[in-house]
Amino acid sequence: MIKNYMEILVDEVFNELKGSNEICKDIVCKHDIKAIALNNLPPVYFKYNSTDGEKKAFLLDRQRRISVLAKVAEAADLVCSSCTKNSK
């Protein structure tokens, strides 16, 4: 099965961010935040013969995580500022 590793990274960063910041707890807001972040990041797919080490290195790259964190935080600000559910 083909996987977009940027989705995995966004999920990881989102879960780290939601624990430390006030982010809407509504499931719709959660999906909107991830969708906006992913739309502003390039998709990343690995070739069939790529090693697990290469994939893990992608997910652990510090600079990439910082870039993804910035996009997720921007998306959260956008979505949560207009959230009408008040479930922060």
PDB file of N, CA and C in Angstrom:
ATOM      1  N   MET A   1       0.836  -1.182   0.000  1.00  0.00           N
ATOM      2  CA  MET A   1       0.000   0.000   0.000  1.00  0.00           C
ATOM      3  C   MET A   1       0.881   1.245   0.000  1.00  0.00           C
ATOM      4  N   ILE A   2       0.513   2.212  -0.777  1.00  0.00           N
ATOM      5  CA  ILE A   2       1.263   3.451  -0.869  1.00  0.00           C
ATOM      6  C   ILE A   2       0.857   4.362   0.289  1.00  0.00           C
ATOM      7  N   LYS A   3       1.871   4.960   0.941  1.00  0.00           N
ATOM      8  CA  LYS A   3       1.606   5.856   2.068  1.00  0.00           C
ATOM      9  C   LYS A   3       2.249   7.207   1.809  1.00  0.00           C
ATOM     10  N   ASN A   4       1.538   8.251   2.156  1.00  0.00           N
ATOM     11  CA  ASN A   4       2.099   9.586   2.140  1.00  0.00           C
ATOM     12  C   ASN A   4       2.734   9.796   3.519  1.00  0.00           C
ATOM     13  N   TYR A   5       4.046   9.789   3.581  1.00  0.00           N
ATOM     14  CA  TYR A   5       4.726   9.897   4.867  1.00  0.00           C
ATOM     15  C   TYR A   5       4.575  11.282   5.486  1.00  0.00           C
ATOM     16  N   MET A   6       4.201  12.265   4.692  1.00  0.00           N
ATOM     17  CA  MET A   6       3.938  13.578   5.257  1.00  0.00           C
ATOM     18  C   MET A   6       2.684  13.514   6.133  1.00  0.00           C
ATOM     19  N   GLU A   7       1.709  12.675   5.765  1.00  0.00           N
ATOM     20  CA  GLU A   7       0.513  12.499   6.595  1.00  0.00           C
ATOM     21  C   GLU A   7       0.885  11.923   7.955  1.00  0.00           C
ATOM     22  N   ILE A   8       1.754  10.950   7.963  1.00  0.00           N
ATOM     23  CA  ILE A   8       2.197  10.342   9.215  1.00  0.00           C
ATOM     24  C   ILE A   8       2.886  11.385  10.081  1.00  0.00           C
ATOM     25  N   LEU A   9       3.741  12.191   9.461  1.00  0.00           N
ATOM     26  CA  LEU A   9       4.469  13.218  10.199  1.00  0.00           C
ATOM     27  C   LEU A   9       3.518  14.284  10.746  1.00  0.00           C
ATOM     28  N   VAL A  10       2.543  14.699   9.951  1.00  0.00           N
ATOM     29  CA  VAL A  10       1.558  15.684  10.416  1.00  0.00           C
ATOM     30  C   VAL A  10       0.765  15.117  11.594  1.00  0.00           C
ATOM     31  N   ASP A  11       0.386  13.855  11.525  1.00  0.00           N
ATOM     32  CA  ASP A  11      -0.326  13.222  12.646  1.00  0.00           C
ATOM     33  C   ASP A  11       0.512  13.256  13.920  1.00  0.00           C
ATOM     34  N   GLU A  12       1.786  12.887  13.803  1.00  0.00           N
ATOM     35  CA  GLU A  12       2.672  12.877  14.969  1.00  0.00           C
ATOM     36  C   GLU A  12       2.818  14.273  15.571  1.00  0.00           C
ATOM     37  N   VAL A  13       3.076  15.250  14.714  1.00  0.00           N
ATOM     38  CA  VAL A  13       3.284  16.622  15.183  1.00  0.00           C
ATOM     39  C   VAL A  13       1.987  17.178  15.769  1.00  0.00           C
ATOM     40  N   PHE A  14       0.857  16.896  15.134  1.00  0.00           N
ATOM     41  CA  PHE A  14      -0.428  17.366  15.656  1.00  0.00           C
ATOM     42  C   PHE A  14      -0.672  16.812  17.058  1.00  0.00           C
ATOM     43  N   ASN A  15      -0.411  15.527  17.248  1.00  0.00           N
ATOM     44  CA  ASN A  15      -0.632  14.910  18.560  1.00  0.00           C
ATOM     45  C   ASN A  15       0.281  15.506  19.627  1.00  0.00           C
ATOM     46  N   GLU A  16       1.505  15.856  19.244  1.00  0.00           N
ATOM     47  CA  GLU A  16       2.411  16.520  20.186  1.00  0.00           C
ATOM     48  C   GLU A  16       1.906  17.928  20.517  1.00  0.00           C
ATOM     49  N   LEU A  17       1.434  18.625  19.495  1.00  0.00           N
ATOM     50  CA  LEU A  17       0.992  20.008  19.664  1.00  0.00           C
ATOM     51  C   LEU A  17      -0.300  20.106  20.460  1.00  0.00           C
ATOM     52  N   LYS A  18      -1.224  19.211  20.230  1.00  0.00           N
ATOM     53  CA  LYS A  18      -2.519  19.298  20.913  1.00  0.00           C
ATOM     54  C   LYS A  18      -2.389  19.069  22.418  1.00  0.00           C
ATOM     55  N   GLY A  19      -1.359  18.363  22.824  1.00  0.00           N
ATOM     56  CA  GLY A  19      -1.151  18.134  24.245  1.00  0.00           C
ATOM     57  C   GLY A  19      -0.601  19.338  24.975  1.00  0.00           C
ATOM     58  N   SER A  20       0.063  20.225  24.253  1.00  0.00           N
ATOM     59  CA  SER A  20       0.705  21.359  24.910  1.00  0.00           C
ATOM     60  C   SER A  20       0.029  22.705  24.636  1.00  0.00           C
ATOM     61  N   ASN A  21      -0.917  22.760  23.723  1.00  0.00           N
ATOM     62  CA  ASN A  21      -1.577  24.023  23.368  1.00  0.00           C
ATOM     63  C   ASN A  21      -3.086  23.872  23.409  1.00  0.00           C
ATOM     64  N   GLU A  22      -3.753  25.009  23.402  1.00  0.00           N
ATOM     65  CA  GLU A  22      -5.214  24.997  23.343  1.00  0.00           C
ATOM     66  C   GLU A  22      -5.654  24.855  21.891  1.00  0.00           C
ATOM     67  N   ILE A  23      -6.053  23.647  21.562  1.00  0.00           N
ATOM     68  CA  ILE A  23      -6.542  23.365  20.219  1.00  0.00           C
ATOM     69  C   ILE A  23      -7.943  22.779  20.367  1.00  0.00           C
ATOM     70  N   CYS A  24      -8.817  23.144  19.450  1.00  0.00           N
ATOM     71  CA  CYS A  24     -10.181  22.635  19.480  1.00  0.00           C
ATOM     72  C   CYS A  24     -10.177  21.114  19.619  1.00  0.00           C
ATOM     73  N   LYS A  25     -11.094  20.617  20.411  1.00  0.00           N
ATOM     74  CA  LYS A  25     -11.188  19.176  20.600  1.00  0.00           C
ATOM     75  C   LYS A  25     -12.221  18.549  19.666  1.00  0.00           C
ATOM     76  N   ASP A  26     -12.908  19.374  18.905  1.00  0.00           N
ATOM     77  CA  ASP A  26     -13.913  18.906  17.963  1.00  0.00           C
ATOM     78  C   ASP A  26     -13.245  18.129  16.830  1.00  0.00           C
ATOM     79  N   ILE A  27     -13.805  16.991  16.464  1.00  0.00           N
ATOM     80  CA  ILE A  27     -13.222  16.121  15.441  1.00  0.00           C
ATOM     81  C   ILE A  27     -13.167  16.817  14.075  1.00  0.00           C
ATOM     82  N   VAL A  28     -14.168  17.639  13.777  1.00  0.00           N
ATOM     83  CA  VAL A  28     -14.180  18.360  12.498  1.00  0.00           C
ATOM     84  C   VAL A  28     -13.018  19.345  12.453  1.00  0.00           C
ATOM     85  N   CYS A  29     -12.788  20.057  13.546  1.00  0.00           N
ATOM     86  CA  CYS A  29     -11.667  21.003  13.604  1.00  0.00           C
ATOM     87  C   CYS A  29     -10.334  20.269  13.457  1.00  0.00           C
ATOM     88  N   LYS A  30     -10.228  19.128  14.102  1.00  0.00           N
ATOM     89  CA  LYS A  30      -9.002  18.323  14.022  1.00  0.00           C
ATOM     90  C   LYS A  30      -8.707  17.948  12.573  1.00  0.00           C
ATOM     91  N   HIS A  31      -9.722  17.471  11.856  1.00  0.00           N
ATOM     92  CA  HIS A  31      -9.535  17.095  10.458  1.00  0.00           C
ATOM     93  C   HIS A  31      -9.234  18.307   9.586  1.00  0.00           C
ATOM     94  N   ASP A  32      -9.877  19.440   9.870  1.00  0.00           N
ATOM     95  CA  ASP A  32      -9.618  20.661   9.113  1.00  0.00           C
ATOM     96  C   ASP A  32      -8.172  21.134   9.307  1.00  0.00           C
ATOM     97  N   ILE A  33      -7.689  21.074  10.537  1.00  0.00           N
ATOM     98  CA  ILE A  33      -6.312  21.490  10.819  1.00  0.00           C
ATOM     99  C   ILE A  33      -5.332  20.632  10.038  1.00  0.00           C
ATOM    100  N   LYS A  34      -5.524  19.321  10.086  1.00  0.00           N
ATOM    101  CA  LYS A  34      -4.621  18.413   9.371  1.00  0.00           C
ATOM    102  C   LYS A  34      -4.708  18.621   7.859  1.00  0.00           C
ATOM    103  N   ALA A  35      -5.920  18.826   7.341  1.00  0.00           N
ATOM    104  CA  ALA A  35      -6.087  19.018   5.901  1.00  0.00           C
ATOM    105  C   ALA A  35      -5.409  20.294   5.424  1.00  0.00           C
ATOM    106  N   ILE A  36      -5.573  21.374   6.177  1.00  0.00           N
ATOM    107  CA  ILE A  36      -4.945  22.642   5.794  1.00  0.00           C
ATOM    108  C   ILE A  36      -3.426  22.510   5.833  1.00  0.00           C
ATOM    109  N   ALA A  37      -2.908  21.886   6.885  1.00  0.00           N
ATOM    110  CA  ALA A  37      -1.463  21.704   6.991  1.00  0.00           C
ATOM    111  C   ALA A  37      -0.939  20.859   5.825  1.00  0.00           C
ATOM    112  N   LEU A  38      -1.624  19.758   5.525  1.00  0.00           N
ATOM    113  CA  LEU A  38      -1.176  18.880   4.433  1.00  0.00           C
ATOM    114  C   LEU A  38      -1.263  19.559   3.071  1.00  0.00           C
ATOM    115  N   ASN A  39      -2.245  20.430   2.889  1.00  0.00           N
ATOM    116  CA  ASN A  39      -2.357  21.150   1.622  1.00  0.00           C
ATOM    117  C   ASN A  39      -1.223  22.149   1.431  1.00  0.00           C
ATOM    118  N   ASN A  40      -0.561  22.526   2.528  1.00  0.00           N
ATOM    119  CA  ASN A  40       0.547  23.475   2.456  1.00  0.00           C
ATOM    120  C   ASN A  40       1.904  22.806   2.586  1.00  0.00           C
ATOM    121  N   LEU A  41       1.929  21.484   2.528  1.00  0.00           N
ATOM    122  CA  LEU A  41       3.174  20.724   2.597  1.00  0.00           C
ATOM    123  C   LEU A  41       3.249  19.779   1.402  1.00  0.00           C
ATOM    124  N   PRO A  42       4.455  19.475   0.941  1.00  0.00           N
ATOM    125  CA  PRO A  42       4.568  18.561  -0.204  1.00  0.00           C
ATOM    126  C   PRO A  42       4.333  17.113   0.221  1.00  0.00           C
ATOM    127  N   PRO A  43       3.653  16.330  -0.628  1.00  0.00           N
ATOM    128  CA  PRO A  43       3.491  14.907  -0.311  1.00  0.00           C
ATOM    129  C   PRO A  43       4.835  14.200  -0.454  1.00  0.00           C
ATOM    130  N   VAL A  44       5.046  13.167   0.357  1.00  0.00           N
ATOM    131  CA  VAL A  44       6.309  12.415   0.301  1.00  0.00           C
ATOM    132  C   VAL A  44       5.994  10.932   0.245  1.00  0.00           C
ATOM    133  N   TYR A  45       6.425  10.297  -0.834  1.00  0.00           N
ATOM    134  CA  TYR A  45       6.265   8.866  -1.016  1.00  0.00           C
ATOM    135  C   TYR A  45       7.644   8.256  -1.216  1.00  0.00           C
ATOM    136  N   PHE A  46       7.822   7.050  -0.723  1.00  0.00           N
ATOM    137  CA  PHE A  46       9.096   6.365  -0.889  1.00  0.00           C
ATOM    138  C   PHE A  46       8.940   5.259  -1.925  1.00  0.00           C
ATOM    139  N   LYS A  47      10.038   5.000  -2.644  1.00  0.00           N
ATOM    140  CA  LYS A  47      10.046   3.914  -3.615  1.00  0.00           C
ATOM    141  C   LYS A  47       9.921   2.587  -2.890  1.00  0.00           C
ATOM    142  N   TYR A  48       9.519   1.587  -3.619  1.00  0.00           N
ATOM    143  CA  TYR A  48       9.290   0.261  -3.053  1.00  0.00           C
ATOM    144  C   TYR A  48      10.528  -0.298  -2.357  1.00  0.00           C
ATOM    145  N   ASN A  49      11.691  -0.018  -2.914  1.00  0.00           N
ATOM    146  CA  ASN A  49      12.920  -0.587  -2.357  1.00  0.00           C
ATOM    147  C   ASN A  49      13.572   0.296  -1.292  1.00  0.00           C
ATOM    148  N   SER A  50      12.884   1.309  -0.818  1.00  0.00           N
ATOM    149  CA  SER A  50      13.418   2.167   0.249  1.00  0.00           C
ATOM    150  C   SER A  50      13.433   1.379   1.556  1.00  0.00           C
ATOM    151  N   THR A  51      14.452   1.635   2.343  1.00  0.00           N
ATOM    152  CA  THR A  51      14.586   0.911   3.603  1.00  0.00           C
ATOM    153  C   THR A  51      13.746   1.563   4.700  1.00  0.00           C
ATOM    154  N   ASP A  52      13.492   0.799   5.740  1.00  0.00           N
ATOM    155  CA  ASP A  52      12.776   1.350   6.894  1.00  0.00           C
ATOM    156  C   ASP A  52      13.593   2.463   7.538  1.00  0.00           C
ATOM    157  N   GLY A  53      14.912   2.355   7.458  1.00  0.00           N
ATOM    158  CA  GLY A  53      15.788   3.388   8.007  1.00  0.00           C
ATOM    159  C   GLY A  53      15.606   4.719   7.310  1.00  0.00           C
ATOM    160  N   GLU A  54      15.459   4.697   5.995  1.00  0.00           N
ATOM    161  CA  GLU A  54      15.232   5.933   5.238  1.00  0.00           C
ATOM    162  C   GLU A  54      13.896   6.567   5.618  1.00  0.00           C
ATOM    163  N   LYS A  55      12.897   5.744   5.780  1.00  0.00           N
ATOM    164  CA  LYS A  55      11.574   6.244   6.156  1.00  0.00           C
ATOM    165  C   LYS A  55      11.598   6.822   7.566  1.00  0.00           C
ATOM    166  N   LYS A  56      12.270   6.132   8.480  1.00  0.00           N
ATOM    167  CA  LYS A  56      12.371   6.605   9.867  1.00  0.00           C
ATOM    168  C   LYS A  56      13.176   7.903   9.922  1.00  0.00           C
ATOM    169  N   ALA A  57      14.239   7.996   9.130  1.00  0.00           N
ATOM    170  CA  ALA A  57      15.046   9.215   9.085  1.00  0.00           C
ATOM    171  C   ALA A  57      14.208  10.397   8.611  1.00  0.00           C
ATOM    172  N   PHE A  58      13.333  10.162   7.650  1.00  0.00           N
ATOM    173  CA  PHE A  58      12.436  11.223   7.180  1.00  0.00           C
ATOM    174  C   PHE A  58      11.561  11.721   8.326  1.00  0.00           C
ATOM    175  N   LEU A  59      10.986  10.782   9.076  1.00  0.00           N
ATOM    176  CA  LEU A  59      10.067  11.143  10.151  1.00  0.00           C
ATOM    177  C   LEU A  59      10.772  11.810  11.325  1.00  0.00           C
ATOM    178  N   LEU A  60      12.052  11.558  11.502  1.00  0.00           N
ATOM    179  CA  LEU A  60      12.785  12.097  12.653  1.00  0.00           C
ATOM    180  C   LEU A  60      13.623  13.331  12.341  1.00  0.00           C
ATOM    181  N   ASP A  61      13.684  13.726  11.078  1.00  0.00           N
ATOM    182  CA  ASP A  61      14.494  14.878  10.689  1.00  0.00           C
ATOM    183  C   ASP A  61      14.015  16.136  11.421  1.00  0.00           C
ATOM    184  N   ARG A  62      14.913  16.724  12.189  1.00  0.00           N
ATOM    185  CA  ARG A  62      14.553  17.855  13.066  1.00  0.00           C
ATOM    186  C   ARG A  62      14.035  19.066  12.284  1.00  0.00           C
ATOM    187  N   GLN A  63      14.713  19.446  11.230  1.00  0.00           N
ATOM    188  CA  GLN A  63      14.298  20.621  10.462  1.00  0.00           C
ATOM    189  C   GLN A  63      12.933  20.400   9.816  1.00  0.00           C
ATOM    190  N   ARG A  64      12.715  19.206   9.305  1.00  0.00           N
ATOM    191  CA  ARG A  64      11.422  18.889   8.683  1.00  0.00           C
ATOM    192  C   ARG A  64      10.307  18.957   9.727  1.00  0.00           C
ATOM    193  N   ARG A  65      10.558  18.430  10.930  1.00  0.00           N
ATOM    194  CA  ARG A  65       9.557  18.464  11.996  1.00  0.00           C
ATOM    195  C   ARG A  65       9.210  19.906  12.382  1.00  0.00           C
ATOM    196  N   ILE A  66      10.227  20.765  12.399  1.00  0.00           N
ATOM    197  CA  ILE A  66       9.997  22.171  12.719  1.00  0.00           C
ATOM    198  C   ILE A  66       9.126  22.826  11.639  1.00  0.00           C
ATOM    199  N   SER A  67       9.406  22.525  10.383  1.00  0.00           N
ATOM    200  CA  SER A  67       8.603  23.076   9.283  1.00  0.00           C
ATOM    201  C   SER A  67       7.156  22.594   9.365  1.00  0.00           C
ATOM    202  N   VAL A  68       6.982  21.319   9.661  1.00  0.00           N
ATOM    203  CA  VAL A  68       5.636  20.760   9.785  1.00  0.00           C
ATOM    204  C   VAL A  68       4.926  21.361  10.999  1.00  0.00           C
ATOM    205  N   LEU A  69       5.639  21.531  12.086  1.00  0.00           N
ATOM    206  CA  LEU A  69       5.069  22.152  13.286  1.00  0.00           C
ATOM    207  C   LEU A  69       4.551  23.552  12.980  1.00  0.00           C
ATOM    208  N   ALA A  70       5.322  24.307  12.210  1.00  0.00           N
ATOM    209  CA  ALA A  70       4.894  25.661  11.836  1.00  0.00           C
ATOM    210  C   ALA A  70       3.601  25.622  11.021  1.00  0.00           C
ATOM    211  N   LYS A  71       3.504  24.703  10.079  1.00  0.00           N
ATOM    212  CA  LYS A  71       2.295  24.606   9.244  1.00  0.00           C
ATOM    213  C   LYS A  71       1.087  24.143  10.053  1.00  0.00           C
ATOM    214  N   VAL A  72       1.308  23.208  10.960  1.00  0.00           N
ATOM    215  CA  VAL A  72       0.203  22.725  11.796  1.00  0.00           C
ATOM    216  C   VAL A  72      -0.259  23.841  12.739  1.00  0.00           C
ATOM    217  N   ALA A  73       0.678  24.576  13.304  1.00  0.00           N
ATOM    218  CA  ALA A  73       0.325  25.678  14.207  1.00  0.00           C
ATOM    219  C   ALA A  73      -0.439  26.769  13.460  1.00  0.00           C
ATOM    220  N   GLU A  74      -0.009  27.095  12.244  1.00  0.00           N
ATOM    221  CA  GLU A  74      -0.729  28.089  11.439  1.00  0.00           C
ATOM    222  C   GLU A  74      -2.161  27.618  11.158  1.00  0.00           C
ATOM    223  N   ALA A  75      -2.291  26.344  10.790  1.00  0.00           N
ATOM    224  CA  ALA A  75      -3.612  25.792  10.498  1.00  0.00           C
ATOM    225  C   ALA A  75      -4.489  25.798  11.744  1.00  0.00           C
ATOM    226  N   ALA A  76      -3.906  25.468  12.893  1.00  0.00           N
ATOM    227  CA  ALA A  76      -4.666  25.461  14.148  1.00  0.00           C
ATOM    228  C   ALA A  76      -5.140  26.866  14.495  1.00  0.00           C
ATOM    229  N   ASP A  77      -4.282  27.858  14.324  1.00  0.00           N
ATOM    230  CA  ASP A  77      -4.682  29.243  14.579  1.00  0.00           C
ATOM    231  C   ASP A  77      -5.850  29.645  13.691  1.00  0.00           C
ATOM    232  N   LEU A  78      -5.763  29.285  12.430  1.00  0.00           N
ATOM    233  CA  LEU A  78      -6.810  29.625  11.472  1.00  0.00           C
ATOM    234  C   LEU A  78      -8.138  28.954  11.827  1.00  0.00           C
ATOM    235  N   VAL A  79      -8.095  27.665  12.081  1.00  0.00           N
ATOM    236  CA  VAL A  79      -9.320  26.900  12.349  1.00  0.00           C
ATOM    237  C   VAL A  79      -9.897  27.253  13.718  1.00  0.00           C
ATOM    238  N   CYS A  80      -9.057  27.286  14.740  1.00  0.00           N
ATOM    239  CA  CYS A  80      -9.548  27.499  16.109  1.00  0.00           C
ATOM    240  C   CYS A  80     -10.015  28.934  16.347  1.00  0.00           C
ATOM    241  N   SER A  81      -9.482  29.878  15.588  1.00  0.00           N
ATOM    242  CA  SER A  81      -9.923  31.265  15.764  1.00  0.00           C
ATOM    243  C   SER A  81     -11.342  31.468  15.242  1.00  0.00           C
ATOM    244  N   SER A  82     -11.770  30.638  14.308  1.00  0.00           N
ATOM    245  CA  SER A  82     -13.118  30.771  13.765  1.00  0.00           C
ATOM    246  C   SER A  82     -14.043  29.660  14.242  1.00  0.00           C
ATOM    247  N   CYS A  83     -13.596  28.870  15.198  1.00  0.00           N
ATOM    248  CA  CYS A  83     -14.395  27.757  15.710  1.00  0.00           C
ATOM    249  C   CYS A  83     -15.567  28.290  16.538  1.00  0.00           C
ATOM    250  N   THR A  84     -16.740  27.781  16.254  1.00  0.00           N
ATOM    251  CA  THR A  84     -17.934  28.229  16.977  1.00  0.00           C
ATOM    252  C   THR A  84     -18.349  27.244  18.067  1.00  0.00           C
ATOM    253  N   LYS A  85     -17.595  26.171  18.201  1.00  0.00           N
ATOM    254  CA  LYS A  85     -17.967  25.117  19.157  1.00  0.00           C
ATOM    255  C   LYS A  85     -17.534  25.456  20.587  1.00  0.00           C
ATOM    256  N   ASN A  86     -16.557  26.373  20.716  1.00  0.00           N
ATOM    257  CA  ASN A  86     -16.033  26.757  22.030  1.00  0.00           C
ATOM    258  C   ASN A  86     -15.639  25.553  22.865  1.00  0.00           C
ATOM    259  N   SER A  87     -15.021  24.566  22.223  1.00  0.00           N
ATOM    260  CA  SER A  87     -14.629  23.347  22.930  1.00  0.00           C
ATOM    261  C   SER A  87     -13.121  23.261  23.093  1.00  0.00           C
ATOM    262  N   LYS A  88     -12.501  24.396  23.331  1.00  0.00           N
ATOM    263  CA  LYS A  88     -11.049  24.438  23.505  1.00  0.00           C
ATOM    264  C   LYS A  88     -10.666  23.885  24.843  1.00  0.00           C
TER     265      LYS A  88
END
